[in-house]
Amino acid sequence: MRTAVIQFPGSNCDADALHAARLTLDPDARFVWHTEAGLPEGTELVFLPGGFSYGDHLRSGAIAARSPIMAAVKAHAERGGYVLGVCNGFQVLTEAGLLPGALSRNRDLHFHCAPVHLRVENAHTAFTGAYEPGQTIEIPIAHGEGNYYADPETVARLETEGRVVFRYVDNPNGSLNDIAGIVNERGNVLGMMPHPERAVELLLGGEDGRGMFESLRAAKVTT
């Protein structure tokens, strides 16, 4: 699956994302700088990595969401292309309107960096097909603003439509309904706060994140 990793000023998980993509999906995965007007020809997956784009000025992801490359990312999503936003990438997706809700300061106002346990709530997406429904996986987090919030109507819609893909087993940040990751209505855009790219090989401490990339590889075959 041809993969483009978007780099913003302040991205600091871009190398992690590129390594995971090259290891599991695309040996030729490449970086795309935020000022580019378009994506490389044939791009199938856009990966928005974690970090502190623009130093989190205004709000996390607010400036990055208005970078030139995001017009191409939105067009890619509208065509049905896959988009994965992790941590700051999730924040960018909400700021860009590609996913509903917002991410605010953690409940205790502390930065959390630790492995957490997630429950796979929906194993029937392009991002989760390699997992079992209800499976518990261990994925690292590293964020200070991961507290997911949306209005009650939006949360109810996410729940009834099966768009809550991952849920915290022990909520580290106060997210409503323990939400750790959601998809858009079409199911081709996923945002999540935990870092699956940091759990793709035992050398990194675990492989539970690898299933996400294996799911995407299988999704390419079946679409």
N, C-alpha and C. Protein backbone atom coordinates (compact mmCIF):
# COMPACT_ATOMS: atom_id res chain seq x y z
N MET A 1 0.85 -1.19 0.00
CA MET A 1 0.00 0.00 0.00
C MET A 1 0.89 1.24 0.00
N ARG A 2 0.87 2.00 -1.09
CA ARG A 2 1.76 3.15 -1.23
C ARG A 2 1.39 4.21 -0.19
N THR A 3 2.40 4.60 0.59
CA THR A 3 2.17 5.41 1.80
C THR A 3 2.95 6.71 1.76
N ALA A 4 2.26 7.79 2.15
CA ALA A 4 2.89 9.10 2.30
C ALA A 4 2.75 9.54 3.75
N VAL A 5 3.87 9.89 4.38
CA VAL A 5 3.88 10.39 5.76
C VAL A 5 4.05 11.90 5.70
N ILE A 6 3.06 12.62 6.20
CA ILE A 6 3.09 14.08 6.14
C ILE A 6 3.95 14.63 7.27
N GLN A 7 4.83 15.57 6.94
CA GLN A 7 5.68 16.22 7.94
C GLN A 7 5.25 17.67 8.11
N PHE A 8 5.00 18.05 9.34
CA PHE A 8 4.73 19.44 9.71
C PHE A 8 5.89 19.95 10.56
N PRO A 9 6.13 21.25 10.62
CA PRO A 9 7.10 21.76 11.58
C PRO A 9 6.67 21.36 12.99
N GLY A 10 7.51 20.63 13.68
CA GLY A 10 7.16 20.16 15.02
C GLY A 10 6.78 18.70 15.07
N SER A 11 6.61 18.04 13.91
CA SER A 11 6.37 16.59 13.94
C SER A 11 7.59 15.92 14.58
N ASN A 12 7.34 14.98 15.50
CA ASN A 12 8.48 14.26 16.07
C ASN A 12 8.28 12.75 16.09
N CYS A 13 7.20 12.29 15.47
CA CYS A 13 6.98 10.85 15.32
C CYS A 13 6.97 10.47 13.85
N ASP A 14 7.43 11.38 13.00
CA ASP A 14 7.40 11.12 11.57
C ASP A 14 8.35 9.98 11.18
N ALA A 15 9.53 9.93 11.80
CA ALA A 15 10.47 8.85 11.50
C ALA A 15 9.91 7.50 11.97
N ASP A 16 9.24 7.50 13.11
CA ASP A 16 8.60 6.27 13.61
C ASP A 16 7.54 5.79 12.60
N ALA A 17 6.73 6.74 12.12
CA ALA A 17 5.67 6.40 11.18
C ALA A 17 6.25 5.86 9.88
N LEU A 18 7.30 6.49 9.38
CA LEU A 18 7.91 6.05 8.14
C LEU A 18 8.52 4.66 8.31
N HIS A 19 9.19 4.43 9.43
CA HIS A 19 9.78 3.11 9.69
C HIS A 19 8.70 2.03 9.71
N ALA A 20 7.60 2.28 10.43
CA ALA A 20 6.52 1.29 10.51
C ALA A 20 5.92 1.03 9.14
N ALA A 21 5.71 2.10 8.36
CA ALA A 21 5.13 1.94 7.03
C ALA A 21 6.05 1.14 6.13
N ARG A 22 7.35 1.44 6.17
CA ARG A 22 8.29 0.70 5.31
C ARG A 22 8.43 -0.74 5.74
N LEU A 23 8.33 -0.99 7.03
CA LEU A 23 8.47 -2.35 7.55
C LEU A 23 7.27 -3.22 7.20
N THR A 24 6.08 -2.63 7.19
CA THR A 24 4.86 -3.44 7.10
C THR A 24 4.05 -3.24 5.82
N LEU A 25 4.18 -2.10 5.17
CA LEU A 25 3.28 -1.77 4.06
C LEU A 25 3.98 -1.45 2.74
N ASP A 26 4.98 -0.59 2.80
CA ASP A 26 5.52 -0.02 1.58
C ASP A 26 7.00 0.30 1.76
N PRO A 27 7.90 -0.51 1.19
CA PRO A 27 9.33 -0.24 1.34
C PRO A 27 9.75 1.13 0.80
N ASP A 28 8.90 1.69 -0.07
CA ASP A 28 9.21 2.98 -0.67
C ASP A 28 8.38 4.12 -0.08
N ALA A 29 7.80 3.90 1.08
CA ALA A 29 7.03 4.97 1.74
C ALA A 29 7.92 6.21 1.87
N ARG A 30 7.32 7.39 1.72
CA ARG A 30 8.13 8.60 1.69
C ARG A 30 7.49 9.72 2.49
N PHE A 31 8.32 10.68 2.88
CA PHE A 31 7.85 11.88 3.55
C PHE A 31 7.28 12.85 2.52
N VAL A 32 6.29 13.62 2.95
CA VAL A 32 5.75 14.72 2.15
C VAL A 32 5.69 15.94 3.05
N TRP A 33 6.38 17.02 2.66
CA TRP A 33 6.44 18.23 3.46
C TRP A 33 5.11 18.98 3.38
N HIS A 34 4.75 19.66 4.45
CA HIS A 34 3.43 20.25 4.59
C HIS A 34 3.12 21.34 3.58
N THR A 35 4.14 21.90 2.93
CA THR A 35 3.89 22.97 1.96
C THR A 35 3.64 22.44 0.55
N GLU A 36 3.76 21.13 0.37
CA GLU A 36 3.49 20.55 -0.95
C GLU A 36 2.02 20.73 -1.30
N ALA A 37 1.75 20.88 -2.59
CA ALA A 37 0.37 21.08 -3.05
C ALA A 37 -0.36 19.78 -3.32
N GLY A 38 0.39 18.69 -3.45
CA GLY A 38 -0.26 17.42 -3.78
C GLY A 38 0.50 16.24 -3.19
N LEU A 39 -0.14 15.08 -3.27
CA LEU A 39 0.45 13.84 -2.79
C LEU A 39 1.17 13.13 -3.94
N PRO A 40 2.14 12.27 -3.65
CA PRO A 40 2.80 11.51 -4.70
C PRO A 40 1.77 10.67 -5.48
N GLU A 41 1.99 10.54 -6.76
CA GLU A 41 1.06 9.78 -7.59
C GLU A 41 0.93 8.35 -7.08
N GLY A 42 -0.30 7.87 -7.01
CA GLY A 42 -0.55 6.51 -6.57
C GLY A 42 -0.66 6.33 -5.07
N THR A 43 -0.60 7.41 -4.29
CA THR A 43 -0.71 7.30 -2.83
C THR A 43 -2.03 6.64 -2.44
N GLU A 44 -1.93 5.64 -1.58
CA GLU A 44 -3.13 4.94 -1.09
C GLU A 44 -3.40 5.23 0.38
N LEU A 45 -2.34 5.40 1.16
CA LEU A 45 -2.48 5.71 2.58
C LEU A 45 -1.73 7.00 2.90
N VAL A 46 -2.40 7.92 3.56
CA VAL A 46 -1.77 9.12 4.10
C VAL A 46 -1.67 8.95 5.61
N PHE A 47 -0.47 9.10 6.13
CA PHE A 47 -0.21 8.93 7.55
C PHE A 47 0.14 10.30 8.13
N LEU A 48 -0.71 10.79 9.04
CA LEU A 48 -0.43 12.03 9.77
C LEU A 48 0.15 11.64 11.12
N PRO A 49 1.44 11.92 11.35
CA PRO A 49 2.11 11.41 12.54
C PRO A 49 1.91 12.28 13.77
N GLY A 50 2.43 11.78 14.88
CA GLY A 50 2.36 12.52 16.13
C GLY A 50 3.43 13.58 16.23
N GLY A 51 3.34 14.36 17.28
CA GLY A 51 4.31 15.43 17.52
C GLY A 51 3.62 16.68 18.04
N PHE A 52 4.22 17.80 17.75
CA PHE A 52 3.71 19.08 18.24
C PHE A 52 3.73 20.07 17.08
N SER A 53 2.90 19.80 16.07
CA SER A 53 2.91 20.64 14.87
C SER A 53 2.73 22.11 15.25
N TYR A 54 3.61 22.92 14.73
CA TYR A 54 3.63 24.36 15.00
C TYR A 54 3.67 24.66 16.49
N GLY A 55 4.29 23.77 17.25
CA GLY A 55 4.44 23.99 18.69
C GLY A 55 3.12 24.02 19.44
N ASP A 56 2.06 23.43 18.86
CA ASP A 56 0.72 23.43 19.47
C ASP A 56 0.20 24.84 19.71
N HIS A 57 0.67 25.82 18.93
CA HIS A 57 0.14 27.17 19.06
C HIS A 57 -1.34 27.20 18.69
N LEU A 58 -2.08 28.11 19.27
CA LEU A 58 -3.54 28.23 19.16
C LEU A 58 -4.19 27.03 19.81
N ARG A 59 -4.23 25.91 19.11
CA ARG A 59 -4.70 24.63 19.65
C ARG A 59 -3.90 23.54 18.95
N SER A 60 -3.79 22.39 19.58
CA SER A 60 -3.05 21.29 18.95
C SER A 60 -3.66 20.96 17.60
N GLY A 61 -2.85 21.03 16.55
CA GLY A 61 -3.29 20.66 15.21
C GLY A 61 -4.00 21.76 14.45
N ALA A 62 -4.28 22.89 15.08
CA ALA A 62 -5.11 23.92 14.45
C ALA A 62 -4.41 24.55 13.24
N ILE A 63 -3.12 24.84 13.36
CA ILE A 63 -2.41 25.45 12.24
C ILE A 63 -2.10 24.41 11.17
N ALA A 64 -1.66 23.24 11.60
CA ALA A 64 -1.35 22.17 10.64
C ALA A 64 -2.55 21.83 9.77
N ALA A 65 -3.75 21.90 10.35
CA ALA A 65 -4.97 21.56 9.60
C ALA A 65 -5.20 22.51 8.43
N ARG A 66 -4.52 23.66 8.45
CA ARG A 66 -4.67 24.66 7.39
C ARG A 66 -3.43 24.74 6.51
N SER A 67 -2.54 23.78 6.63
CA SER A 67 -1.36 23.72 5.76
C SER A 67 -1.78 23.38 4.34
N PRO A 68 -1.01 23.81 3.34
CA PRO A 68 -1.37 23.53 1.94
C PRO A 68 -1.64 22.06 1.64
N ILE A 69 -0.85 21.15 2.21
CA ILE A 69 -1.01 19.73 1.88
C ILE A 69 -2.37 19.18 2.30
N MET A 70 -3.03 19.82 3.28
CA MET A 70 -4.28 19.27 3.79
C MET A 70 -5.41 19.31 2.76
N ALA A 71 -5.34 20.22 1.79
CA ALA A 71 -6.34 20.20 0.72
C ALA A 71 -6.25 18.90 -0.05
N ALA A 72 -5.02 18.46 -0.31
CA ALA A 72 -4.82 17.19 -1.02
C ALA A 72 -5.23 16.00 -0.15
N VAL A 73 -4.97 16.09 1.15
CA VAL A 73 -5.37 15.01 2.06
C VAL A 73 -6.89 14.88 2.09
N LYS A 74 -7.59 16.02 2.15
CA LYS A 74 -9.06 15.99 2.15
C LYS A 74 -9.58 15.40 0.84
N ALA A 75 -9.00 15.80 -0.27
CA ALA A 75 -9.43 15.27 -1.57
C ALA A 75 -9.18 13.77 -1.64
N HIS A 76 -8.05 13.33 -1.10
CA HIS A 76 -7.72 11.90 -1.05
C HIS A 76 -8.78 11.14 -0.26
N ALA A 77 -9.16 11.67 0.91
CA ALA A 77 -10.19 11.02 1.73
C ALA A 77 -11.53 11.00 1.03
N GLU A 78 -11.86 12.08 0.35
CA GLU A 78 -13.14 12.14 -0.36
C GLU A 78 -13.22 11.12 -1.49
N ARG A 79 -12.06 10.77 -2.05
CA ARG A 79 -12.01 9.75 -3.11
C ARG A 79 -12.07 8.33 -2.54
N GLY A 80 -12.02 8.22 -1.22
CA GLY A 80 -12.03 6.90 -0.59
C GLY A 80 -10.66 6.41 -0.18
N GLY A 81 -9.63 7.25 -0.36
CA GLY A 81 -8.29 6.87 0.07
C GLY A 81 -8.19 6.79 1.58
N TYR A 82 -7.25 5.99 2.06
CA TYR A 82 -7.11 5.80 3.50
C TYR A 82 -6.28 6.91 4.12
N VAL A 83 -6.71 7.34 5.30
CA VAL A 83 -6.00 8.35 6.08
C VAL A 83 -5.91 7.86 7.52
N LEU A 84 -4.70 7.86 8.06
CA LEU A 84 -4.47 7.47 9.45
C LEU A 84 -3.82 8.63 10.18
N GLY A 85 -4.47 9.11 11.24
CA GLY A 85 -3.93 10.19 12.05
C GLY A 85 -3.68 9.69 13.46
N VAL A 86 -2.44 9.75 13.90
CA VAL A 86 -2.06 9.25 15.22
C VAL A 86 -1.61 10.40 16.11
N CYS A 87 -2.18 10.48 17.31
CA CYS A 87 -1.82 11.48 18.31
C CYS A 87 -2.04 12.88 17.74
N ASN A 88 -0.98 13.64 17.47
CA ASN A 88 -1.17 14.95 16.87
C ASN A 88 -1.90 14.84 15.53
N GLY A 89 -1.69 13.73 14.82
CA GLY A 89 -2.41 13.50 13.58
C GLY A 89 -3.91 13.40 13.79
N PHE A 90 -4.34 12.81 14.90
CA PHE A 90 -5.75 12.75 15.26
C PHE A 90 -6.27 14.16 15.51
N GLN A 91 -5.47 14.95 16.23
CA GLN A 91 -5.86 16.34 16.50
C GLN A 91 -6.01 17.13 15.20
N VAL A 92 -5.10 16.91 14.26
CA VAL A 92 -5.18 17.59 12.96
C VAL A 92 -6.45 17.18 12.22
N LEU A 93 -6.80 15.91 12.28
CA LEU A 93 -8.00 15.43 11.58
C LEU A 93 -9.27 16.07 12.14
N THR A 94 -9.33 16.26 13.45
CA THR A 94 -10.52 16.91 14.01
C THR A 94 -10.53 18.39 13.65
N GLU A 95 -9.38 19.04 13.69
CA GLU A 95 -9.30 20.45 13.35
C GLU A 95 -9.62 20.68 11.87
N ALA A 96 -9.31 19.71 11.02
CA ALA A 96 -9.56 19.83 9.59
C ALA A 96 -10.99 19.45 9.22
N GLY A 97 -11.75 18.95 10.18
CA GLY A 97 -13.12 18.55 9.91
C GLY A 97 -13.27 17.19 9.28
N LEU A 98 -12.18 16.41 9.23
CA LEU A 98 -12.26 15.06 8.67
C LEU A 98 -12.80 14.06 9.69
N LEU A 99 -12.73 14.42 10.96
CA LEU A 99 -13.34 13.62 12.02
C LEU A 99 -14.02 14.58 13.00
N PRO A 100 -15.09 14.13 13.65
CA PRO A 100 -15.80 15.00 14.59
C PRO A 100 -15.13 15.06 15.95
N GLY A 101 -15.50 16.07 16.72
CA GLY A 101 -15.01 16.19 18.09
C GLY A 101 -13.74 16.99 18.19
N ALA A 102 -13.12 16.93 19.37
CA ALA A 102 -11.90 17.68 19.64
C ALA A 102 -11.12 16.97 20.73
N LEU A 103 -9.82 17.27 20.81
CA LEU A 103 -8.95 16.73 21.84
C LEU A 103 -8.49 17.87 22.74
N SER A 104 -8.73 17.73 24.04
CA SER A 104 -8.35 18.78 24.99
C SER A 104 -7.34 18.25 25.99
N ARG A 105 -6.95 19.09 26.94
CA ARG A 105 -5.95 18.71 27.93
C ARG A 105 -6.39 17.48 28.70
N ASN A 106 -5.42 16.63 29.02
CA ASN A 106 -5.71 15.46 29.83
C ASN A 106 -6.38 15.87 31.13
N ARG A 107 -7.20 15.02 31.63
CA ARG A 107 -8.00 15.31 32.82
C ARG A 107 -7.15 15.81 33.99
N ASP A 108 -5.99 15.21 34.18
CA ASP A 108 -5.14 15.61 35.31
C ASP A 108 -4.11 16.67 34.93
N LEU A 109 -4.18 17.17 33.69
CA LEU A 109 -3.30 18.22 33.18
C LEU A 109 -1.83 17.79 33.12
N HIS A 110 -1.58 16.48 33.12
CA HIS A 110 -0.22 15.96 33.00
C HIS A 110 -0.03 15.28 31.64
N PHE A 111 1.20 15.30 31.18
CA PHE A 111 1.59 14.55 29.98
C PHE A 111 1.75 13.08 30.37
N HIS A 112 1.17 12.18 29.57
CA HIS A 112 1.26 10.75 29.87
C HIS A 112 2.04 10.04 28.78
N CYS A 113 3.02 9.26 29.18
CA CYS A 113 3.84 8.48 28.26
C CYS A 113 4.00 7.09 28.87
N ALA A 114 3.22 6.13 28.37
CA ALA A 114 3.22 4.79 28.97
C ALA A 114 2.45 3.84 28.08
N PRO A 115 2.68 2.54 28.22
CA PRO A 115 1.83 1.59 27.51
C PRO A 115 0.42 1.61 28.11
N VAL A 116 -0.59 1.49 27.27
CA VAL A 116 -1.97 1.39 27.76
C VAL A 116 -2.65 0.22 27.06
N HIS A 117 -3.74 -0.23 27.65
CA HIS A 117 -4.50 -1.31 27.05
C HIS A 117 -5.74 -0.74 26.36
N LEU A 118 -5.95 -1.20 25.14
CA LEU A 118 -7.11 -0.81 24.35
C LEU A 118 -7.96 -2.03 24.05
N ARG A 119 -9.25 -1.81 23.95
CA ARG A 119 -10.16 -2.86 23.50
C ARG A 119 -10.59 -2.54 22.07
N VAL A 120 -10.50 -3.53 21.21
CA VAL A 120 -10.93 -3.35 19.82
C VAL A 120 -12.45 -3.44 19.78
N GLU A 121 -13.09 -2.32 19.56
CA GLU A 121 -14.55 -2.25 19.57
C GLU A 121 -15.16 -2.61 18.22
N ASN A 122 -14.45 -2.33 17.14
CA ASN A 122 -14.96 -2.63 15.81
C ASN A 122 -13.82 -3.26 15.01
N ALA A 123 -13.93 -4.55 14.76
CA ALA A 123 -12.90 -5.28 14.02
C ALA A 123 -13.27 -5.43 12.55
N HIS A 124 -14.22 -4.63 12.09
CA HIS A 124 -14.69 -4.76 10.71
C HIS A 124 -14.38 -3.50 9.90
N THR A 125 -13.25 -2.88 10.19
CA THR A 125 -12.81 -1.73 9.41
C THR A 125 -11.53 -2.10 8.67
N ALA A 126 -11.15 -1.26 7.72
CA ALA A 126 -9.91 -1.50 6.98
C ALA A 126 -8.69 -1.43 7.89
N PHE A 127 -8.84 -0.82 9.06
CA PHE A 127 -7.73 -0.63 9.98
C PHE A 127 -7.66 -1.71 11.05
N THR A 128 -8.70 -2.50 11.18
CA THR A 128 -8.77 -3.42 12.33
C THR A 128 -9.12 -4.85 11.95
N GLY A 129 -9.14 -5.18 10.67
CA GLY A 129 -9.57 -6.52 10.25
C GLY A 129 -8.71 -7.66 10.76
N ALA A 130 -7.46 -7.36 11.14
CA ALA A 130 -6.58 -8.41 11.64
C ALA A 130 -6.80 -8.71 13.13
N TYR A 131 -7.64 -7.91 13.78
CA TYR A 131 -7.92 -8.11 15.20
C TYR A 131 -9.25 -8.85 15.39
N GLU A 132 -9.45 -9.34 16.58
CA GLU A 132 -10.72 -9.98 16.95
C GLU A 132 -11.59 -8.96 17.68
N PRO A 133 -12.92 -9.02 17.50
CA PRO A 133 -13.80 -8.11 18.26
C PRO A 133 -13.60 -8.31 19.76
N GLY A 134 -13.42 -7.22 20.47
CA GLY A 134 -13.22 -7.30 21.91
C GLY A 134 -11.80 -7.61 22.33
N GLN A 135 -10.89 -7.82 21.39
CA GLN A 135 -9.51 -8.13 21.72
C GLN A 135 -8.86 -6.97 22.47
N THR A 136 -8.06 -7.28 23.46
CA THR A 136 -7.30 -6.27 24.20
C THR A 136 -5.88 -6.24 23.68
N ILE A 137 -5.41 -5.06 23.34
CA ILE A 137 -4.05 -4.89 22.83
C ILE A 137 -3.32 -3.83 23.65
N GLU A 138 -2.00 -3.89 23.64
CA GLU A 138 -1.19 -2.92 24.37
C GLU A 138 -0.47 -2.02 23.38
N ILE A 139 -0.72 -0.72 23.49
CA ILE A 139 -0.16 0.27 22.59
C ILE A 139 0.35 1.45 23.44
N PRO A 140 1.49 2.05 23.09
CA PRO A 140 1.98 3.19 23.87
C PRO A 140 1.19 4.47 23.60
N ILE A 141 1.11 5.33 24.60
CA ILE A 141 0.61 6.68 24.42
C ILE A 141 1.71 7.67 24.78
N ALA A 142 1.61 8.88 24.25
CA ALA A 142 2.53 9.96 24.59
C ALA A 142 1.85 11.27 24.24
N HIS A 143 1.03 11.77 25.16
CA HIS A 143 0.28 12.99 24.85
C HIS A 143 -0.12 13.75 26.12
N GLY A 144 -0.30 15.04 25.91
CA GLY A 144 -0.81 15.89 26.98
C GLY A 144 -2.22 16.38 26.70
N GLU A 145 -2.66 16.23 25.45
CA GLU A 145 -3.99 16.69 25.05
C GLU A 145 -4.69 15.57 24.27
N GLY A 146 -5.06 14.54 25.00
CA GLY A 146 -5.70 13.39 24.38
C GLY A 146 -7.10 13.12 24.87
N ASN A 147 -7.66 14.09 25.57
CA ASN A 147 -8.98 13.96 26.19
C ASN A 147 -10.06 14.21 25.14
N TYR A 148 -10.62 13.12 24.58
CA TYR A 148 -11.58 13.27 23.49
C TYR A 148 -12.92 13.80 23.99
N TYR A 149 -13.43 14.79 23.25
CA TYR A 149 -14.72 15.37 23.59
C TYR A 149 -15.52 15.61 22.31
N ALA A 150 -16.83 15.38 22.40
CA ALA A 150 -17.77 15.77 21.35
C ALA A 150 -19.12 15.98 22.04
N ASP A 151 -20.02 16.68 21.36
CA ASP A 151 -21.33 16.92 21.96
C ASP A 151 -22.08 15.59 22.09
N PRO A 152 -23.07 15.51 22.97
CA PRO A 152 -23.76 14.25 23.23
C PRO A 152 -24.35 13.61 21.98
N GLU A 153 -24.88 14.40 21.06
CA GLU A 153 -25.47 13.85 19.85
C GLU A 153 -24.41 13.17 18.99
N THR A 154 -23.23 13.80 18.89
CA THR A 154 -22.15 13.23 18.10
C THR A 154 -21.64 11.94 18.72
N VAL A 155 -21.46 11.94 20.03
CA VAL A 155 -20.99 10.73 20.71
C VAL A 155 -22.00 9.60 20.52
N ALA A 156 -23.27 9.90 20.65
CA ALA A 156 -24.30 8.88 20.47
C ALA A 156 -24.25 8.31 19.06
N ARG A 157 -24.03 9.18 18.07
CA ARG A 157 -23.96 8.73 16.68
C ARG A 157 -22.73 7.85 16.46
N LEU A 158 -21.60 8.24 17.02
CA LEU A 158 -20.39 7.42 16.91
C LEU A 158 -20.62 6.03 17.49
N GLU A 159 -21.29 5.99 18.62
CA GLU A 159 -21.54 4.70 19.29
C GLU A 159 -22.51 3.84 18.49
N THR A 160 -23.63 4.40 18.07
CA THR A 160 -24.64 3.60 17.38
C THR A 160 -24.19 3.17 16.00
N GLU A 161 -23.32 3.94 15.36
CA GLU A 161 -22.84 3.61 14.02
C GLU A 161 -21.58 2.74 14.04
N GLY A 162 -21.12 2.35 15.22
CA GLY A 162 -19.94 1.50 15.32
C GLY A 162 -18.66 2.19 14.92
N ARG A 163 -18.61 3.50 15.11
CA ARG A 163 -17.44 4.27 14.67
C ARG A 163 -16.41 4.48 15.78
N VAL A 164 -16.71 4.02 16.98
CA VAL A 164 -15.68 3.96 18.03
C VAL A 164 -14.92 2.66 17.80
N VAL A 165 -13.70 2.79 17.33
CA VAL A 165 -12.91 1.63 16.92
C VAL A 165 -12.07 1.07 18.06
N PHE A 166 -11.48 1.97 18.85
CA PHE A 166 -10.67 1.58 20.00
C PHE A 166 -11.17 2.31 21.24
N ARG A 167 -11.16 1.58 22.38
CA ARG A 167 -11.58 2.17 23.64
C ARG A 167 -10.54 1.83 24.71
N TYR A 168 -10.24 2.82 25.56
CA TYR A 168 -9.30 2.57 26.65
C TYR A 168 -9.91 1.60 27.66
N VAL A 169 -9.10 0.66 28.11
CA VAL A 169 -9.52 -0.22 29.20
C VAL A 169 -9.41 0.54 30.52
N ASP A 170 -8.31 1.25 30.72
CA ASP A 170 -8.12 2.12 31.88
C ASP A 170 -7.84 3.52 31.35
N ASN A 171 -8.85 4.33 31.32
CA ASN A 171 -8.80 5.64 30.67
C ASN A 171 -7.72 6.54 31.29
N PRO A 172 -6.67 6.90 30.52
CA PRO A 172 -5.59 7.70 31.10
C PRO A 172 -5.79 9.20 31.02
N ASN A 173 -6.79 9.64 30.26
CA ASN A 173 -6.87 11.08 29.98
C ASN A 173 -8.24 11.72 30.15
N GLY A 174 -9.26 10.92 30.47
CA GLY A 174 -10.59 11.48 30.69
C GLY A 174 -11.49 11.49 29.47
N SER A 175 -11.08 10.87 28.37
CA SER A 175 -11.87 10.86 27.15
C SER A 175 -13.29 10.36 27.40
N LEU A 176 -14.27 11.05 26.80
CA LEU A 176 -15.66 10.61 26.91
C LEU A 176 -15.80 9.18 26.44
N ASN A 177 -16.55 8.40 27.19
CA ASN A 177 -16.83 7.00 26.85
C ASN A 177 -15.55 6.18 26.63
N ASP A 178 -14.45 6.63 27.21
CA ASP A 178 -13.16 5.94 27.09
C ASP A 178 -12.69 5.84 25.64
N ILE A 179 -13.10 6.78 24.80
CA ILE A 179 -12.79 6.71 23.37
C ILE A 179 -11.31 6.95 23.12
N ALA A 180 -10.68 6.02 22.39
CA ALA A 180 -9.27 6.13 22.03
C ALA A 180 -9.06 6.30 20.54
N GLY A 181 -10.05 5.89 19.73
CA GLY A 181 -9.92 6.01 18.28
C GLY A 181 -11.26 5.89 17.60
N ILE A 182 -11.46 6.70 16.54
CA ILE A 182 -12.73 6.70 15.81
C ILE A 182 -12.47 6.74 14.31
N VAL A 183 -13.49 6.35 13.54
CA VAL A 183 -13.44 6.47 12.09
C VAL A 183 -14.53 7.41 11.60
N ASN A 184 -14.37 7.87 10.38
CA ASN A 184 -15.40 8.69 9.75
C ASN A 184 -16.55 7.81 9.28
N GLU A 185 -17.58 8.40 8.72
CA GLU A 185 -18.76 7.64 8.29
C GLU A 185 -18.41 6.60 7.24
N ARG A 186 -17.52 6.95 6.34
CA ARG A 186 -17.15 6.04 5.25
C ARG A 186 -16.22 4.93 5.72
N GLY A 187 -15.54 5.16 6.83
CA GLY A 187 -14.64 4.15 7.38
C GLY A 187 -13.24 4.15 6.81
N ASN A 188 -12.89 5.19 6.05
CA ASN A 188 -11.55 5.23 5.45
C ASN A 188 -10.61 6.22 6.14
N VAL A 189 -11.09 6.92 7.17
CA VAL A 189 -10.26 7.85 7.93
C VAL A 189 -10.32 7.44 9.41
N LEU A 190 -9.17 7.16 9.97
CA LEU A 190 -9.08 6.76 11.38
C LEU A 190 -8.19 7.74 12.13
N GLY A 191 -8.67 8.19 13.29
CA GLY A 191 -7.87 8.98 14.20
C GLY A 191 -7.78 8.27 15.54
N MET A 192 -6.59 8.21 16.12
CA MET A 192 -6.42 7.57 17.42
C MET A 192 -5.27 8.25 18.15
N MET A 193 -5.35 8.30 19.48
CA MET A 193 -4.28 8.91 20.26
C MET A 193 -3.11 7.94 20.50
N PRO A 194 -3.32 6.68 20.83
CA PRO A 194 -2.18 5.77 21.02
C PRO A 194 -1.39 5.57 19.72
N HIS A 195 -0.15 5.12 19.86
CA HIS A 195 0.80 5.03 18.75
C HIS A 195 1.01 3.60 18.27
N PRO A 196 0.26 3.10 17.30
CA PRO A 196 0.49 1.73 16.82
C PRO A 196 1.84 1.57 16.13
N GLU A 197 2.37 2.68 15.56
CA GLU A 197 3.66 2.58 14.86
C GLU A 197 4.81 2.32 15.81
N ARG A 198 4.58 2.52 17.11
CA ARG A 198 5.61 2.23 18.11
C ARG A 198 5.47 0.82 18.68
N ALA A 199 4.62 0.02 18.08
CA ALA A 199 4.41 -1.36 18.55
C ALA A 199 4.28 -2.30 17.37
N VAL A 200 5.30 -2.25 16.48
CA VAL A 200 5.25 -3.10 15.29
C VAL A 200 6.34 -4.16 15.26
N GLU A 201 7.20 -4.19 16.28
CA GLU A 201 8.24 -5.22 16.34
C GLU A 201 8.70 -5.36 17.79
N LEU A 202 9.15 -6.56 18.14
CA LEU A 202 9.52 -6.84 19.52
C LEU A 202 10.65 -5.95 19.99
N LEU A 203 11.50 -5.53 19.07
CA LEU A 203 12.60 -4.64 19.44
C LEU A 203 12.08 -3.36 20.09
N LEU A 204 10.87 -2.96 19.73
CA LEU A 204 10.26 -1.75 20.30
C LEU A 204 9.45 -2.04 21.56
N GLY A 205 9.35 -3.31 21.93
CA GLY A 205 8.65 -3.68 23.15
C GLY A 205 7.35 -4.41 22.95
N GLY A 206 6.89 -4.53 21.71
CA GLY A 206 5.64 -5.25 21.46
C GLY A 206 5.23 -5.13 20.01
N GLU A 207 4.31 -6.01 19.61
CA GLU A 207 3.87 -6.06 18.22
C GLU A 207 2.37 -5.87 18.05
N ASP A 208 1.69 -5.42 19.09
CA ASP A 208 0.23 -5.33 19.01
C ASP A 208 -0.24 -4.29 18.00
N GLY A 209 0.60 -3.33 17.67
CA GLY A 209 0.21 -2.34 16.68
C GLY A 209 0.33 -2.84 15.25
N ARG A 210 1.04 -3.91 15.07
CA ARG A 210 1.30 -4.42 13.72
C ARG A 210 0.00 -4.83 13.02
N GLY A 211 -0.98 -5.28 13.81
CA GLY A 211 -2.25 -5.70 13.24
C GLY A 211 -2.93 -4.60 12.43
N MET A 212 -2.73 -3.35 12.82
CA MET A 212 -3.33 -2.26 12.07
C MET A 212 -2.78 -2.19 10.65
N PHE A 213 -1.48 -2.34 10.53
CA PHE A 213 -0.85 -2.26 9.22
C PHE A 213 -1.13 -3.51 8.40
N GLU A 214 -1.21 -4.65 9.06
CA GLU A 214 -1.60 -5.88 8.36
C GLU A 214 -3.03 -5.77 7.85
N SER A 215 -3.89 -5.11 8.63
CA SER A 215 -5.28 -4.91 8.21
C SER A 215 -5.33 -4.05 6.95
N LEU A 216 -4.54 -2.99 6.92
CA LEU A 216 -4.52 -2.10 5.76
C LEU A 216 -3.98 -2.83 4.53
N ARG A 217 -2.97 -3.65 4.72
CA ARG A 217 -2.42 -4.41 3.60
C ARG A 217 -3.48 -5.35 3.02
N ALA A 218 -4.25 -5.99 3.91
CA ALA A 218 -5.33 -6.87 3.45
C ALA A 218 -6.44 -6.09 2.78
N ALA A 219 -6.72 -4.88 3.30
CA ALA A 219 -7.77 -4.05 2.73
C ALA A 219 -7.44 -3.67 1.29
N LYS A 220 -6.16 -3.46 1.02
CA LYS A 220 -5.75 -3.14 -0.35
C LYS A 220 -6.07 -4.30 -1.29
N VAL A 221 -5.87 -5.51 -0.83
CA VAL A 221 -6.11 -6.68 -1.66
C VAL A 221 -7.57 -6.85 -1.99
N THR A 222 -8.44 -6.51 -1.02
CA THR A 222 -9.87 -6.77 -1.19
C THR A 222 -10.64 -5.60 -1.80
N THR A 223 -10.01 -4.42 -1.94
CA THR A 223 -10.73 -3.28 -2.48
C THR A 223 -10.43 -3.09 -3.96
